[in-house]
All heavy atoms as atom14 arrays in JSON, in Angstrom:
{
  "sequence": "GMMISIFCLLFTMVFFGMEQSLHMLLSVLAIYFIKQNE",
  "atom14_mask": [
    [1, 1, 1, 1, 0, 0, 0, 0, 0, 0, 0, 0, 0, 0],
    [1, 1, 1, 1, 1, 1, 1, 1, 0, 0, 0, 0, 0, 0],
    [1, 1, 1, 1, 1, 1, 1, 1, 0, 0, 0, 0, 0, 0],
    [1, 1, 1, 1, 1, 1, 1, 1, 0, 0, 0, 0, 0, 0],
    [1, 1, 1, 1, 1, 1, 0, 0, 0, 0, 0, 0, 0, 0],
    [1, 1, 1, 1, 1, 1, 1, 1, 0, 0, 0, 0, 0, 0],
    [1, 1, 1, 1, 1, 1, 1, 1, 1, 1, 1, 0, 0, 0],
    [1, 1, 1, 1, 1, 1, 0, 0, 0, 0, 0, 0, 0, 0],
    [1, 1, 1, 1, 1, 1, 1, 1, 0, 0, 0, 0, 0, 0],
    [1, 1, 1, 1, 1, 1, 1, 1, 0, 0, 0, 0, 0, 0],
    [1, 1, 1, 1, 1, 1, 1, 1, 1, 1, 1, 0, 0, 0],
    [1, 1, 1, 1, 1, 1, 1, 0, 0, 0, 0, 0, 0, 0],
    [1, 1, 1, 1, 1, 1, 1, 1, 0, 0, 0, 0, 0, 0],
    [1, 1, 1, 1, 1, 1, 1, 0, 0, 0, 0, 0, 0, 0],
    [1, 1, 1, 1, 1, 1, 1, 1, 1, 1, 1, 0, 0, 0],
    [1, 1, 1, 1, 1, 1, 1, 1, 1, 1, 1, 0, 0, 0],
    [1, 1, 1, 1, 0, 0, 0, 0, 0, 0, 0, 0, 0, 0],
    [1, 1, 1, 1, 1, 1, 1, 1, 0, 0, 0, 0, 0, 0],
    [1, 1, 1, 1, 1, 1, 1, 1, 1, 0, 0, 0, 0, 0],
    [1, 1, 1, 1, 1, 1, 1, 1, 1, 0, 0, 0, 0, 0],
    [1, 1, 1, 1, 1, 1, 0, 0, 0, 0, 0, 0, 0, 0],
    [1, 1, 1, 1, 1, 1, 1, 1, 0, 0, 0, 0, 0, 0],
    [1, 1, 1, 1, 1, 1, 1, 1, 1, 1, 0, 0, 0, 0],
    [1, 1, 1, 1, 1, 1, 1, 1, 0, 0, 0, 0, 0, 0],
    [1, 1, 1, 1, 1, 1, 1, 1, 0, 0, 0, 0, 0, 0],
    [1, 1, 1, 1, 1, 1, 1, 1, 0, 0, 0, 0, 0, 0],
    [1, 1, 1, 1, 1, 1, 0, 0, 0, 0, 0, 0, 0, 0],
    [1, 1, 1, 1, 1, 1, 1, 0, 0, 0, 0, 0, 0, 0],
    [1, 1, 1, 1, 1, 1, 1, 1, 0, 0, 0, 0, 0, 0],
    [1, 1, 1, 1, 1, 0, 0, 0, 0, 0, 0, 0, 0, 0],
    [1, 1, 1, 1, 1, 1, 1, 1, 0, 0, 0, 0, 0, 0],
    [1, 1, 1, 1, 1, 1, 1, 1, 1, 1, 1, 1, 0, 0],
    [1, 1, 1, 1, 1, 1, 1, 1, 1, 1, 1, 0, 0, 0],
    [1, 1, 1, 1, 1, 1, 1, 1, 0, 0, 0, 0, 0, 0],
    [1, 1, 1, 1, 1, 1, 1, 1, 1, 0, 0, 0, 0, 0],
    [1, 1, 1, 1, 1, 1, 1, 1, 1, 0, 0, 0, 0, 0],
    [1, 1, 1, 1, 1, 1, 1, 1, 0, 0, 0, 0, 0, 0],
    [1, 1, 1, 1, 1, 1, 1, 1, 1, 0, 0, 0, 0, 0]
  ],
  "atom14_positions": [
    [[102.55, 108.22, 82.34], [101.2, 108.42, 82.9], [100.95, 109.84, 83.32], [99.79, 110.3, 83.35], [0.0, 0.0, 0.0], [0.0, 0.0, 0.0], [0.0, 0.0, 0.0], [0.0, 0.0, 0.0], [0.0, 0.0, 0.0], [0.0, 0.0, 0.0], [0.0, 0.0, 0.0], [0.0, 0.0, 0.0], [0.0, 0.0, 0.0], [0.0, 0.0, 0.0]],
    [[102.02, 110.57, 83.65], [101.85, 111.95, 84.08], [101.31, 112.86, 82.96], [100.78, 113.93, 83.22], [103.18, 112.5, 84.6], [103.63, 111.86, 85.9], [105.28, 112.42, 86.41], [104.95, 114.13, 86.79], [0.0, 0.0, 0.0], [0.0, 0.0, 0.0], [0.0, 0.0, 0.0], [0.0, 0.0, 0.0], [0.0, 0.0, 0.0], [0.0, 0.0, 0.0]],
    [[101.45, 112.41, 81.72], [100.94, 113.21, 80.6], [99.44, 113.08, 80.45], [98.8, 113.87, 79.74], [101.61, 112.77, 79.3], [103.11, 112.95, 79.26], [103.8, 112.53, 77.65], [103.41, 110.78, 77.54], [0.0, 0.0, 0.0], [0.0, 0.0, 0.0], [0.0, 0.0, 0.0], [0.0, 0.0, 0.0], [0.0, 0.0, 0.0], [0.0, 0.0, 0.0]],
    [[98.86, 112.09, 81.09], [97.47, 111.75, 80.8], [96.51, 112.86, 81.19], [95.52, 113.13, 80.49], [97.1, 110.42, 81.5], [97.82, 109.27, 80.81], [95.59, 110.18, 81.49], [97.65, 107.94, 81.48], [0.0, 0.0, 0.0], [0.0, 0.0, 0.0], [0.0, 0.0, 0.0], [0.0, 0.0, 0.0], [0.0, 0.0, 0.0], [0.0, 0.0, 0.0]],
    [[96.76, 113.54, 82.31], [95.83, 114.6, 82.75], [95.76, 115.74, 81.74], [94.79, 116.5, 81.74], [96.26, 115.15, 84.12], [97.48, 115.85, 84.02], [0.0, 0.0, 0.0], [0.0, 0.0, 0.0], [0.0, 0.0, 0.0], [0.0, 0.0, 0.0], [0.0, 0.0, 0.0], [0.0, 0.0, 0.0], [0.0, 0.0, 0.0], [0.0, 0.0, 0.0]],
    [[96.77, 115.86, 80.89], [96.74, 116.89, 79.84], [96.01, 116.38, 78.61], [95.08, 116.98, 78.11], [98.17, 117.33, 79.48], [98.88, 117.9, 80.71], [98.14, 118.34, 78.36], [100.34, 118.22, 80.48], [0.0, 0.0, 0.0], [0.0, 0.0, 0.0], [0.0, 0.0, 0.0], [0.0, 0.0, 0.0], [0.0, 0.0, 0.0], [0.0, 0.0, 0.0]],
    [[96.42, 115.21, 78.14], [95.91, 114.71, 76.87], [94.46, 114.23, 76.96], [93.75, 114.22, 75.95], [96.79, 113.57, 76.36], [98.14, 114.02, 75.91], [99.19, 113.13, 75.83], [98.38, 115.34, 75.56], [100.45, 113.53, 75.4], [99.63, 115.77, 75.14], [100.66, 114.86, 75.07], [0.0, 0.0, 0.0], [0.0, 0.0, 0.0], [0.0, 0.0, 0.0]],
    [[94.01, 113.79, 78.13], [92.65, 113.26, 78.23], [91.63, 114.35, 78.58], [90.45, 114.04, 78.78], [92.59, 112.15, 79.28], [92.76, 112.76, 80.97], [0.0, 0.0, 0.0], [0.0, 0.0, 0.0], [0.0, 0.0, 0.0], [0.0, 0.0, 0.0], [0.0, 0.0, 0.0], [0.0, 0.0, 0.0], [0.0, 0.0, 0.0], [0.0, 0.0, 0.0]],
    [[92.06, 115.61, 78.65], [91.15, 116.74, 78.87], [90.43, 116.69, 80.21], [89.33, 117.21, 80.33], [90.11, 116.81, 77.73], [90.68, 117.17, 76.36], [89.59, 117.04, 75.3], [91.23, 118.58, 76.34], [0.0, 0.0, 0.0], [0.0, 0.0, 0.0], [0.0, 0.0, 0.0], [0.0, 0.0, 0.0], [0.0, 0.0, 0.0], [0.0, 0.0, 0.0]],
    [[91.05, 116.07, 81.2], [90.42, 116.04, 82.51], [90.19, 117.44, 83.05], [89.13, 117.75, 83.6], [91.31, 115.24, 83.49], [90.85, 115.21, 84.95], [89.47, 114.58, 85.08], [91.87, 114.45, 85.81], [0.0, 0.0, 0.0], [0.0, 0.0, 0.0], [0.0, 0.0, 0.0], [0.0, 0.0, 0.0], [0.0, 0.0, 0.0], [0.0, 0.0, 0.0]],
    [[91.17, 118.33, 82.9], [91.03, 119.7, 83.42], [89.88, 120.43, 82.73], [89.19, 121.24, 83.35], [92.35, 120.47, 83.28], [92.8, 120.68, 81.87], [92.39, 121.78, 81.15], [93.66, 119.78, 81.27], [92.82, 121.98, 79.84], [94.09, 119.97, 79.97], [93.66, 121.07, 79.25], [0.0, 0.0, 0.0], [0.0, 0.0, 0.0], [0.0, 0.0, 0.0]],
    [[89.67, 120.14, 81.43], [88.55, 120.78, 80.73], [87.23, 120.28, 81.26], [86.27, 121.06, 81.43], [88.65, 120.5, 79.22], [89.94, 120.91, 78.75], [87.57, 121.24, 78.46], [0.0, 0.0, 0.0], [0.0, 0.0, 0.0], [0.0, 0.0, 0.0], [0.0, 0.0, 0.0], [0.0, 0.0, 0.0], [0.0, 0.0, 0.0], [0.0, 0.0, 0.0]],
    [[87.14, 118.99, 81.54], [85.89, 118.44, 82.07], [85.59, 119.01, 83.46], [84.44, 119.26, 83.81], [85.97, 116.92, 82.14], [86.06, 116.24, 80.78], [84.68, 116.61, 79.66], [85.42, 117.89, 78.61], [0.0, 0.0, 0.0], [0.0, 0.0, 0.0], [0.0, 0.0, 0.0], [0.0, 0.0, 0.0], [0.0, 0.0, 0.0], [0.0, 0.0, 0.0]],
    [[86.62, 119.22, 84.25], [86.43, 119.85, 85.56], [85.87, 121.26, 85.38], [84.91, 121.65, 86.06], [87.76, 119.89, 86.34], [87.63, 120.77, 87.59], [88.18, 118.49, 86.73], [0.0, 0.0, 0.0], [0.0, 0.0, 0.0], [0.0, 0.0, 0.0], [0.0, 0.0, 0.0], [0.0, 0.0, 0.0], [0.0, 0.0, 0.0], [0.0, 0.0, 0.0]],
    [[86.42, 122.01, 84.46], [85.96, 123.37, 84.21], [84.53, 123.39, 83.67], [83.74, 124.27, 84.0], [86.92, 124.04, 83.23], [86.46, 125.37, 82.72], [86.29, 126.44, 83.59], [86.19, 125.57, 81.37], [85.87, 127.69, 83.12], [85.78, 126.8, 80.9], [85.6, 127.86, 81.78], [0.0, 0.0, 0.0], [0.0, 0.0, 0.0], [0.0, 0.0, 0.0]],
    [[84.16, 122.41, 82.85], [82.82, 122.38, 82.27], [81.73, 122.16, 83.32], [80.58, 122.54, 83.12], [82.73, 121.3, 81.2], [83.27, 121.73, 79.86], [83.95, 122.93, 79.71], [83.09, 120.95, 78.74], [84.45, 123.33, 78.48], [83.57, 121.33, 77.5], [84.25, 122.53, 77.37], [0.0, 0.0, 0.0], [0.0, 0.0, 0.0], [0.0, 0.0, 0.0]],
    [[82.07, 121.51, 84.42], [81.12, 121.39, 85.52], [80.08, 120.3, 85.4], [79.1, 120.28, 86.15], [0.0, 0.0, 0.0], [0.0, 0.0, 0.0], [0.0, 0.0, 0.0], [0.0, 0.0, 0.0], [0.0, 0.0, 0.0], [0.0, 0.0, 0.0], [0.0, 0.0, 0.0], [0.0, 0.0, 0.0], [0.0, 0.0, 0.0], [0.0, 0.0, 0.0]],
    [[80.29, 119.36, 84.49], [79.33, 118.27, 84.29], [79.78, 117.0, 85.03], [80.78, 117.0, 85.75], [79.16, 118.02, 82.8], [78.46, 119.16, 82.07], [76.72, 119.29, 82.52], [76.06, 117.85, 81.66], [0.0, 0.0, 0.0], [0.0, 0.0, 0.0], [0.0, 0.0, 0.0], [0.0, 0.0, 0.0], [0.0, 0.0, 0.0], [0.0, 0.0, 0.0]],
    [[79.04, 115.91, 84.79], [79.32, 114.65, 85.48], [80.5, 113.91, 84.89], [80.93, 112.88, 85.43], [78.08, 113.75, 85.46], [77.75, 113.13, 84.12], [76.86, 114.01, 83.27], [76.68, 115.2, 83.62], [76.32, 113.53, 82.26], [0.0, 0.0, 0.0], [0.0, 0.0, 0.0], [0.0, 0.0, 0.0], [0.0, 0.0, 0.0], [0.0, 0.0, 0.0]],
    [[81.07, 114.38, 83.78], [82.14, 113.66, 83.11], [83.38, 113.49, 84.0], [84.09, 112.48, 83.89], [82.53, 114.36, 81.8], [81.69, 113.96, 80.61], [80.31, 114.58, 80.64], [80.15, 115.7, 81.1], [79.32, 113.86, 80.14], [0.0, 0.0, 0.0], [0.0, 0.0, 0.0], [0.0, 0.0, 0.0], [0.0, 0.0, 0.0], [0.0, 0.0, 0.0]],
    [[83.65, 114.45, 84.87], [84.81, 114.31, 85.78], [84.63, 113.12, 86.72], [85.56, 112.34, 86.95], [85.01, 115.59, 86.58], [85.28, 116.68, 85.75], [0.0, 0.0, 0.0], [0.0, 0.0, 0.0], [0.0, 0.0, 0.0], [0.0, 0.0, 0.0], [0.0, 0.0, 0.0], [0.0, 0.0, 0.0], [0.0, 0.0, 0.0], [0.0, 0.0, 0.0]],
    [[83.42, 112.99, 87.27], [83.13, 111.84, 88.13], [83.18, 110.55, 87.33], [83.64, 109.51, 87.84], [81.76, 112.0, 88.77], [81.68, 112.89, 90.02], [80.22, 113.13, 90.4], [82.43, 112.25, 91.18], [0.0, 0.0, 0.0], [0.0, 0.0, 0.0], [0.0, 0.0, 0.0], [0.0, 0.0, 0.0], [0.0, 0.0, 0.0], [0.0, 0.0, 0.0]],
    [[82.7, 110.59, 86.1], [82.74, 109.39, 85.25], [84.19, 108.97, 85.01], [84.51, 107.77, 85.03], [82.04, 109.7, 83.92], [81.66, 108.47, 83.15], [81.06, 108.53, 81.92], [81.8, 107.15, 83.43], [80.83, 107.31, 81.48], [81.29, 106.45, 82.39], [0.0, 0.0, 0.0], [0.0, 0.0, 0.0], [0.0, 0.0, 0.0], [0.0, 0.0, 0.0]],
    [[85.06, 109.93, 84.77], [86.47, 109.62, 84.55], [87.11, 109.06, 85.82], [87.9, 108.11, 85.77], [87.2, 110.87, 84.06], [86.71, 111.33, 82.69], [87.3, 112.97, 82.19], [88.88, 112.53, 81.47], [0.0, 0.0, 0.0], [0.0, 0.0, 0.0], [0.0, 0.0, 0.0], [0.0, 0.0, 0.0], [0.0, 0.0, 0.0], [0.0, 0.0, 0.0]],
    [[86.78, 109.64, 86.96], [87.31, 109.14, 88.24], [86.88, 107.69, 88.46], [87.71, 106.82, 88.79], [86.81, 110.02, 89.39], [87.06, 109.49, 90.8], [88.55, 109.32, 91.07], [86.42, 110.41, 91.84], [0.0, 0.0, 0.0], [0.0, 0.0, 0.0], [0.0, 0.0, 0.0], [0.0, 0.0, 0.0], [0.0, 0.0, 0.0], [0.0, 0.0, 0.0]],
    [[85.6, 107.41, 88.29], [85.09, 106.06, 88.54], [85.65, 105.07, 87.52], [85.86, 103.89, 87.85], [83.56, 106.07, 88.5], [82.91, 106.78, 89.68], [81.42, 107.01, 89.43], [83.08, 105.96, 90.97], [0.0, 0.0, 0.0], [0.0, 0.0, 0.0], [0.0, 0.0, 0.0], [0.0, 0.0, 0.0], [0.0, 0.0, 0.0], [0.0, 0.0, 0.0]],
    [[85.91, 105.52, 86.31], [86.5, 104.64, 85.29], [87.92, 104.24, 85.68], [88.31, 103.07, 85.54], [86.51, 105.35, 83.93], [85.19, 105.63, 83.49], [0.0, 0.0, 0.0], [0.0, 0.0, 0.0], [0.0, 0.0, 0.0], [0.0, 0.0, 0.0], [0.0, 0.0, 0.0], [0.0, 0.0, 0.0], [0.0, 0.0, 0.0], [0.0, 0.0, 0.0]],
    [[88.71, 105.21, 86.17], [90.07, 104.9, 86.62], [90.02, 103.95, 87.82], [90.78, 102.98, 87.89], [90.84, 106.18, 86.97], [92.21, 105.84, 87.55], [91.0, 107.06, 85.75], [0.0, 0.0, 0.0], [0.0, 0.0, 0.0], [0.0, 0.0, 0.0], [0.0, 0.0, 0.0], [0.0, 0.0, 0.0], [0.0, 0.0, 0.0], [0.0, 0.0, 0.0]],
    [[89.13, 104.23, 88.76], [88.99, 103.34, 89.92], [88.58, 101.94, 89.51], [89.04, 100.95, 90.08], [87.96, 103.92, 90.9], [88.41, 105.12, 91.73], [87.24, 105.72, 92.5], [89.52, 104.71, 92.71], [0.0, 0.0, 0.0], [0.0, 0.0, 0.0], [0.0, 0.0, 0.0], [0.0, 0.0, 0.0], [0.0, 0.0, 0.0], [0.0, 0.0, 0.0]],
    [[87.69, 101.85, 88.51], [87.23, 100.54, 88.06], [88.38, 99.71, 87.5], [88.55, 98.54, 87.86], [86.12, 100.7, 87.01], [0.0, 0.0, 0.0], [0.0, 0.0, 0.0], [0.0, 0.0, 0.0], [0.0, 0.0, 0.0], [0.0, 0.0, 0.0], [0.0, 0.0, 0.0], [0.0, 0.0, 0.0], [0.0, 0.0, 0.0], [0.0, 0.0, 0.0]],
    [[89.2, 100.32, 86.62], [90.3, 99.53, 86.06], [91.39, 99.28, 87.1], [92.07, 98.25, 87.06], [90.88, 100.18, 84.78], [91.5, 101.54, 85.06], [89.83, 100.28, 83.7], [92.18, 102.14, 83.83], [0.0, 0.0, 0.0], [0.0, 0.0, 0.0], [0.0, 0.0, 0.0], [0.0, 0.0, 0.0], [0.0, 0.0, 0.0], [0.0, 0.0, 0.0]],
    [[91.52, 100.19, 88.07], [92.47, 99.95, 89.17], [92.08, 98.71, 89.96], [92.89, 97.81, 90.2], [92.54, 101.16, 90.09], [93.5, 100.99, 91.26], [94.8, 101.46, 91.19], [93.1, 100.34, 92.43], [95.69, 101.29, 92.24], [93.98, 100.15, 93.49], [95.27, 100.63, 93.39], [96.15, 100.44, 94.43], [0.0, 0.0, 0.0], [0.0, 0.0, 0.0]],
    [[90.81, 98.64, 90.36], [90.37, 97.51, 91.2], [90.21, 96.23, 90.39], [90.33, 95.13, 90.95], [89.09, 97.88, 91.94], [89.32, 98.83, 93.08], [88.75, 100.09, 93.07], [90.13, 98.49, 94.14], [88.97, 100.99, 94.11], [90.37, 99.37, 95.19], [89.79, 100.63, 95.18], [0.0, 0.0, 0.0], [0.0, 0.0, 0.0], [0.0, 0.0, 0.0]],
    [[89.94, 96.33, 89.08], [89.97, 95.12, 88.26], [91.39, 94.55, 88.25], [91.6, 93.34, 88.42], [89.49, 95.41, 86.83], [87.98, 95.69, 86.81], [89.79, 94.23, 85.9], [87.46, 96.17, 85.47], [0.0, 0.0, 0.0], [0.0, 0.0, 0.0], [0.0, 0.0, 0.0], [0.0, 0.0, 0.0], [0.0, 0.0, 0.0], [0.0, 0.0, 0.0]],
    [[92.35, 95.43, 88.04], [93.76, 95.01, 88.04], [94.15, 94.4, 89.39], [94.82, 93.36, 89.46], [94.64, 96.22, 87.74], [96.11, 95.91, 87.51], [96.33, 95.33, 86.14], [97.81, 95.17, 85.85], [98.04, 94.58, 84.51], [0.0, 0.0, 0.0], [0.0, 0.0, 0.0], [0.0, 0.0, 0.0], [0.0, 0.0, 0.0], [0.0, 0.0, 0.0]],
    [[93.73, 95.05, 90.45], [94.04, 94.57, 91.8], [93.41, 93.2, 92.06], [94.05, 92.31, 92.62], [93.56, 95.57, 92.85], [93.97, 95.24, 94.27], [93.43, 96.25, 95.25], [92.21, 96.34, 95.44], [94.32, 97.04, 95.85], [0.0, 0.0, 0.0], [0.0, 0.0, 0.0], [0.0, 0.0, 0.0], [0.0, 0.0, 0.0], [0.0, 0.0, 0.0]],
    [[92.16, 93.03, 91.64], [91.49, 91.75, 91.85], [92.1, 90.63, 91.02], [92.2, 89.49, 91.48], [90.0, 91.89, 91.53], [89.2, 92.42, 92.71], [88.71, 91.67, 93.54], [89.07, 93.75, 92.79], [0.0, 0.0, 0.0], [0.0, 0.0, 0.0], [0.0, 0.0, 0.0], [0.0, 0.0, 0.0], [0.0, 0.0, 0.0], [0.0, 0.0, 0.0]],
    [[92.5, 90.95, 89.79], [93.16, 89.93, 88.97], [94.49, 89.51, 89.59], [94.88, 88.35, 89.53], [93.39, 90.46, 87.56], [92.11, 90.55, 86.73], [92.41, 90.91, 85.29], [93.35, 91.7, 85.05], [91.7, 90.42, 84.41], [0.0, 0.0, 0.0], [0.0, 0.0, 0.0], [0.0, 0.0, 0.0], [0.0, 0.0, 0.0], [0.0, 0.0, 0.0]]
  ]
}
């Protein structure tokens, strides 16, 4: 999992300054809480 921040271009989205970083954060939170609820 530690490789993901490199391969998924999260750092590039942060640099680009758009909403994609927030979208990625909320997507991870969504699958985290789906897993937790299940």
